[in-house]
Amino acid sequence: MSNDSKTGGKGRATNAITSYEIGYAKPPSHSQFVKGKSGNPKGRPKGSRAVASPPIATDFANQRANRLLMEEVYRPVTLREGDKTIVLPLIQGVYRAMGVAAMKGNRHAQNLIADLVQQVETAEREGNEELYQSLFLYKTKAKLKLAHARKNGLPEPQLIPHPDDIYINPRTGQAQIRGPMNEEDKAEWDKRIRARDEAQEEVSYHAKAWRNEKDPNMKRVHLDFLHGEQKIFDIINDNLPPHYQTDLKDRSWEHDASRS
């Protein structure tokens, strides 16, 4: 038999009896799957469901072992110091015991504490430097935007945080934001300021009513209301940064008012 009769003249094997070409995606008949019989008899039984693999935790802080560890190290424990008992987080108790050992001459404890303090101070200094630089740059750019809008008669952009809320101390290298840092914060700050302004309205109302009232008893009632609203105003206003503070109109200076 010639090579052409075996390959069909085209490089493919041909079954002489059935003229069935054997090639890619056409295996020999003896190796084909039999209808009704599984090609993988040791595989998953028919009707069973594949079990999904558990999700991989990508958030380090939310992994169970890490949560348990953090809960444990901050668990309050009772320690005795002399005649007194004190309650401290576990991690603080560990540091305290380490400090006591260092004071007693334990070189390992001394070196460990020195290394830990150095690491903490270095990380804190680097973090402060990075915050200072970023806030300084942000405040500079924000002020330029506001100045451009005012110069050209344009609406001022609503900047959060506002540059006036960023306090920078070049002598100490400290920088902080004393105001809303995002939209949610701003909504809360706006609520406080509205409550303060409402207290101002009540103070002015009762101050006018007190001045015009002839009945001594009613004058006392208006004065009591005035003092109550004045106290609310002072509590809110005193806890706002200077940029948001304002002076109370119609303030009472009576002995039982919020300002003596």
Protein backbone atom coordinates (compact mmCIF):
# COMPACT_ATOMS: atom_id res chain seq x y z
CA MET A 1 0.00 0.00 0.00
CA SER A 2 1.47 3.41 -0.97
CA ASN A 3 1.87 6.38 1.39
CA ASP A 4 -0.92 8.15 -0.46
CA SER A 5 -3.38 5.41 0.40
CA LYS A 6 -2.54 5.78 4.08
CA THR A 7 -2.70 9.52 4.25
CA GLY A 8 -5.30 10.18 1.65
CA GLY A 9 -2.75 12.20 -0.29
CA LYS A 10 -3.24 15.17 2.05
CA GLY A 11 -1.11 14.28 5.06
CA ARG A 12 -4.05 12.93 7.12
CA ALA A 13 -4.67 9.29 8.11
CA THR A 14 -7.82 7.76 6.61
CA ASN A 15 -9.78 4.78 7.89
CA ALA A 16 -9.86 2.36 4.92
CA ILE A 17 -13.21 0.85 5.91
CA THR A 18 -15.26 3.98 6.73
CA SER A 19 -13.26 6.60 4.84
CA TYR A 20 -13.20 8.58 8.20
CA GLU A 21 -10.45 11.15 8.27
CA ILE A 22 -8.35 11.17 11.45
CA GLY A 23 -6.82 14.50 12.38
CA TYR A 24 -7.36 17.66 14.49
CA ALA A 25 -10.61 17.37 16.51
CA LYS A 26 -11.20 13.93 14.87
CA PRO A 27 -9.70 11.22 17.11
CA PRO A 28 -9.69 7.51 16.19
CA SER A 29 -12.98 5.76 16.91
CA HIS A 30 -11.52 3.50 19.60
CA SER A 31 -10.52 6.58 21.68
CA GLN A 32 -13.75 8.56 21.31
CA PHE A 33 -16.20 9.12 24.20
CA VAL A 34 -19.04 6.57 24.35
CA LYS A 35 -22.50 8.13 24.42
CA GLY A 36 -24.02 7.93 27.93
CA LYS A 37 -20.69 7.16 29.59
CA SER A 38 -18.66 9.78 31.40
CA GLY A 39 -15.28 10.59 30.01
CA ASN A 40 -14.09 11.24 33.59
CA PRO A 41 -15.57 8.41 35.75
CA LYS A 42 -13.62 9.56 38.82
CA GLY A 43 -14.82 13.12 38.53
CA ARG A 44 -17.66 14.97 40.33
CA PRO A 45 -20.82 12.79 40.57
CA LYS A 46 -23.74 13.78 38.34
CA GLY A 47 -26.14 16.16 40.08
CA SER A 48 -23.63 17.43 42.60
CA ARG A 49 -22.78 21.11 42.71
CA ALA A 50 -19.37 22.64 42.64
CA VAL A 51 -18.45 24.32 45.92
CA ALA A 52 -17.28 27.89 45.42
CA SER A 53 -13.84 28.70 46.74
CA PRO A 54 -13.88 30.99 49.79
CA PRO A 55 -13.17 34.65 48.93
CA ILE A 56 -9.64 35.80 49.48
CA ALA A 57 -9.42 38.54 52.09
CA THR A 58 -7.68 41.54 50.61
CA ASP A 59 -8.24 43.91 53.53
CA PHE A 60 -5.49 43.20 56.04
CA ALA A 61 -7.26 44.99 58.89
CA ASN A 62 -10.43 42.96 58.43
CA GLN A 63 -8.81 39.54 58.55
CA ARG A 64 -10.11 37.64 61.55
CA ALA A 65 -6.73 36.89 63.15
CA ASN A 66 -5.72 40.53 62.90
CA ARG A 67 -8.98 41.71 64.45
CA LEU A 68 -8.60 39.26 67.31
CA LEU A 69 -5.03 40.39 67.89
CA MET A 70 -6.00 44.06 68.03
CA GLU A 71 -8.91 43.31 70.36
CA GLU A 72 -6.58 41.38 72.64
CA VAL A 73 -3.79 43.94 72.85
CA TYR A 74 -6.28 46.68 73.75
CA ARG A 75 -8.19 44.53 76.24
CA PRO A 76 -8.22 46.23 79.67
CA VAL A 77 -6.23 44.39 82.33
CA THR A 78 -5.84 45.09 86.04
CA LEU A 79 -2.35 45.62 87.40
CA ARG A 80 -1.11 46.25 90.91
CA GLU A 81 1.38 49.02 91.57
CA GLY A 82 2.30 49.13 95.21
CA ASP A 83 -0.94 49.48 97.19
CA LYS A 84 -2.98 50.58 94.19
CA THR A 85 -4.61 48.69 91.34
CA ILE A 86 -4.84 50.28 87.93
CA VAL A 87 -6.62 49.32 84.72
CA LEU A 88 -4.64 49.60 81.49
CA PRO A 89 -4.83 48.24 77.95
CA LEU A 90 -2.82 45.04 77.69
CA ILE A 91 -0.28 46.59 75.31
CA GLN A 92 0.34 49.47 77.71
CA GLY A 93 0.87 46.98 80.53
CA VAL A 94 3.44 45.19 78.36
CA TYR A 95 5.27 48.44 77.71
CA ARG A 96 5.16 49.31 81.41
CA ALA A 97 6.60 45.93 82.38
CA MET A 98 9.28 46.40 79.74
CA GLY A 99 10.10 49.81 81.21
CA VAL A 100 10.37 48.39 84.70
CA ALA A 101 12.73 45.67 83.43
CA ALA A 102 14.82 48.32 81.65
CA MET A 103 15.05 50.40 84.83
CA LYS A 104 16.31 47.32 86.66
CA GLY A 105 19.18 46.96 84.20
CA ASN A 106 17.81 44.50 81.65
CA ARG A 107 19.90 45.34 78.57
CA HIS A 108 17.54 43.62 76.15
CA ALA A 109 14.59 45.65 77.44
CA GLN A 110 16.62 48.85 77.34
CA ASN A 111 17.67 48.33 73.72
CA LEU A 112 14.16 47.30 72.67
CA ILE A 113 12.56 50.39 74.23
CA ALA A 114 15.18 52.69 72.70
CA ASP A 115 14.58 51.16 69.26
CA LEU A 116 10.80 51.42 69.58
CA VAL A 117 10.93 55.06 70.66
CA GLN A 118 13.26 55.93 67.81
CA GLN A 119 10.98 54.22 65.28
CA VAL A 120 7.88 56.01 66.61
CA GLU A 121 9.55 59.43 66.68
CA THR A 122 10.99 58.98 63.18
CA ALA A 123 7.62 57.91 61.75
CA GLU A 124 5.87 60.81 63.50
CA ARG A 125 8.41 63.35 62.26
CA GLU A 126 8.22 62.09 58.69
CA GLY A 127 4.43 62.11 58.81
CA ASN A 128 4.37 65.69 60.13
CA GLU A 129 6.81 66.83 57.45
CA GLU A 130 4.72 65.25 54.71
CA LEU A 131 1.50 66.75 56.10
CA TYR A 132 3.12 70.19 56.44
CA GLN A 133 4.35 70.19 52.85
CA SER A 134 1.06 68.95 51.38
CA LEU A 135 -1.09 71.41 53.37
CA PHE A 136 1.25 74.31 52.65
CA LEU A 137 1.06 73.59 48.92
CA TYR A 138 -2.73 73.14 49.04
CA LYS A 139 -3.25 76.39 50.96
CA THR A 140 -1.04 78.34 48.55
CA LYS A 141 -2.91 77.07 45.49
CA ALA A 142 -6.33 77.55 47.13
CA LYS A 143 -5.56 81.17 48.00
CA LEU A 144 -4.51 81.82 44.41
CA LYS A 145 -7.83 80.40 43.18
CA LEU A 146 -9.81 82.62 45.56
CA ALA A 147 -7.77 85.69 44.64
CA HIS A 148 -8.29 85.00 40.92
CA ALA A 149 -12.07 84.70 41.40
CA ARG A 150 -12.29 87.93 43.42
CA LYS A 151 -10.11 89.85 40.99
CA ASN A 152 -12.21 88.80 37.99
CA GLY A 153 -15.60 89.11 39.66
CA LEU A 154 -16.24 85.38 39.50
CA PRO A 155 -18.08 83.24 42.07
CA GLU A 156 -15.66 82.02 44.70
CA PRO A 157 -15.03 78.27 44.49
CA GLN A 158 -16.35 76.23 47.40
CA LEU A 159 -13.07 74.77 48.61
CA ILE A 160 -13.00 71.95 51.14
CA PRO A 161 -10.98 72.30 53.23
CA HIS A 162 -11.06 76.09 53.07
CA PRO A 163 -7.58 77.66 53.07
CA ASP A 164 -8.57 79.79 56.08
CA ASP A 165 -9.12 76.53 57.99
CA ILE A 166 -5.52 75.40 57.44
CA TYR A 167 -3.20 76.52 60.23
CA ILE A 168 0.54 76.32 59.58
CA ASN A 169 3.26 77.08 62.10
CA PRO A 170 6.61 77.43 60.30
CA ARG A 171 8.51 77.65 63.60
CA THR A 172 7.36 74.23 64.83
CA GLY A 173 6.70 72.68 61.42
CA GLN A 174 3.17 71.78 62.53
CA ALA A 175 0.13 71.99 60.27
CA GLN A 176 -3.50 71.10 60.91
CA ILE A 177 -6.98 71.55 59.51
CA ARG A 178 -9.46 73.25 61.85
CA GLY A 179 -12.59 72.93 59.81
CA PRO A 180 -14.54 70.57 57.54
CA MET A 181 -12.39 68.15 55.56
CA ASN A 182 -15.04 66.74 53.23
CA GLU A 183 -18.68 67.19 52.20
CA GLU A 184 -19.98 65.17 55.16
CA ASP A 185 -17.95 67.27 57.60
CA LYS A 186 -19.18 70.47 56.00
CA ALA A 187 -22.80 69.39 56.42
CA GLU A 188 -22.20 68.85 60.16
CA TRP A 189 -20.42 72.18 60.52
CA ASP A 190 -23.24 73.94 58.70
CA LYS A 191 -25.72 72.44 61.19
CA ARG A 192 -23.70 73.78 64.13
CA ILE A 193 -23.44 77.23 62.61
CA ARG A 194 -27.19 77.31 61.90
CA ALA A 195 -27.89 76.32 65.51
CA ARG A 196 -25.61 79.11 66.73
CA ASP A 197 -27.31 81.65 64.45
CA GLU A 198 -30.73 80.51 65.68
CA ALA A 199 -29.55 81.06 69.24
CA GLN A 200 -28.49 84.58 68.24
CA GLU A 201 -32.00 85.26 66.91
CA GLU A 202 -33.56 84.06 70.16
CA VAL A 203 -31.19 86.19 72.24
CA SER A 204 -32.04 89.31 70.24
CA TYR A 205 -35.78 88.56 70.45
CA HIS A 206 -35.81 88.13 74.23
CA ALA A 207 -33.46 91.08 74.75
CA LYS A 208 -35.91 93.34 72.91
CA ALA A 209 -38.89 91.83 74.74
CA TRP A 210 -37.10 92.33 78.09
CA ARG A 211 -36.44 96.00 77.32
CA ASN A 212 -40.07 96.66 76.34
CA GLU A 213 -41.72 94.56 79.08
CA LYS A 214 -43.25 96.42 82.05
CA ASP A 215 -44.24 93.42 84.18
CA PRO A 216 -41.27 92.49 86.46
CA ASN A 217 -42.20 88.80 86.37
CA MET A 218 -42.31 88.69 82.58
CA LYS A 219 -39.05 90.62 82.41
CA ARG A 220 -37.49 87.86 84.49
CA VAL A 221 -38.93 85.21 82.16
CA HIS A 222 -37.46 86.90 79.09
CA LEU A 223 -34.13 87.29 80.84
CA ASP A 224 -34.04 83.59 81.74
CA PHE A 225 -34.74 82.62 78.13
CA LEU A 226 -32.09 85.07 76.97
CA HIS A 227 -29.50 83.52 79.30
CA GLY A 228 -30.35 80.03 78.14
CA GLU A 229 -29.98 80.86 74.46
CA GLN A 230 -26.85 82.89 75.18
CA LYS A 231 -25.28 79.85 76.82
CA ILE A 232 -26.07 77.72 73.76
CA PHE A 233 -24.53 80.36 71.51
CA ASP A 234 -21.33 80.51 73.58
CA ILE A 235 -20.90 76.73 73.76
CA ILE A 236 -21.17 76.37 69.97
CA ASN A 237 -19.25 79.51 69.07
CA ASP A 238 -16.37 78.93 71.49
CA ASN A 239 -15.71 75.49 69.98
CA LEU A 240 -15.46 76.78 66.42
CA PRO A 241 -12.14 77.88 64.88
CA PRO A 242 -11.58 81.67 64.79
CA HIS A 243 -12.50 81.72 61.11
CA TYR A 244 -16.09 80.76 62.02
CA GLN A 245 -16.53 82.62 65.31
CA THR A 246 -18.61 85.76 65.66
CA ASP A 247 -19.60 88.18 68.43
CA LEU A 248 -22.96 87.80 70.17
CA LYS A 249 -25.26 90.78 69.84
CA ASP A 250 -27.49 91.85 72.75
CA ARG A 251 -25.32 89.97 75.25
CA SER A 252 -26.44 89.97 78.86
CA TRP A 253 -23.86 90.64 81.57
CA GLU A 254 -26.05 89.70 84.51
CA HIS A 255 -24.43 87.61 87.28
CA ASP A 256 -26.15 84.40 86.16
CA ALA A 257 -25.33 84.82 82.45
CA SER A 258 -22.76 82.71 80.62
CA ARG A 259 -20.25 85.58 80.72
CA SER A 260 -19.57 87.39 83.97
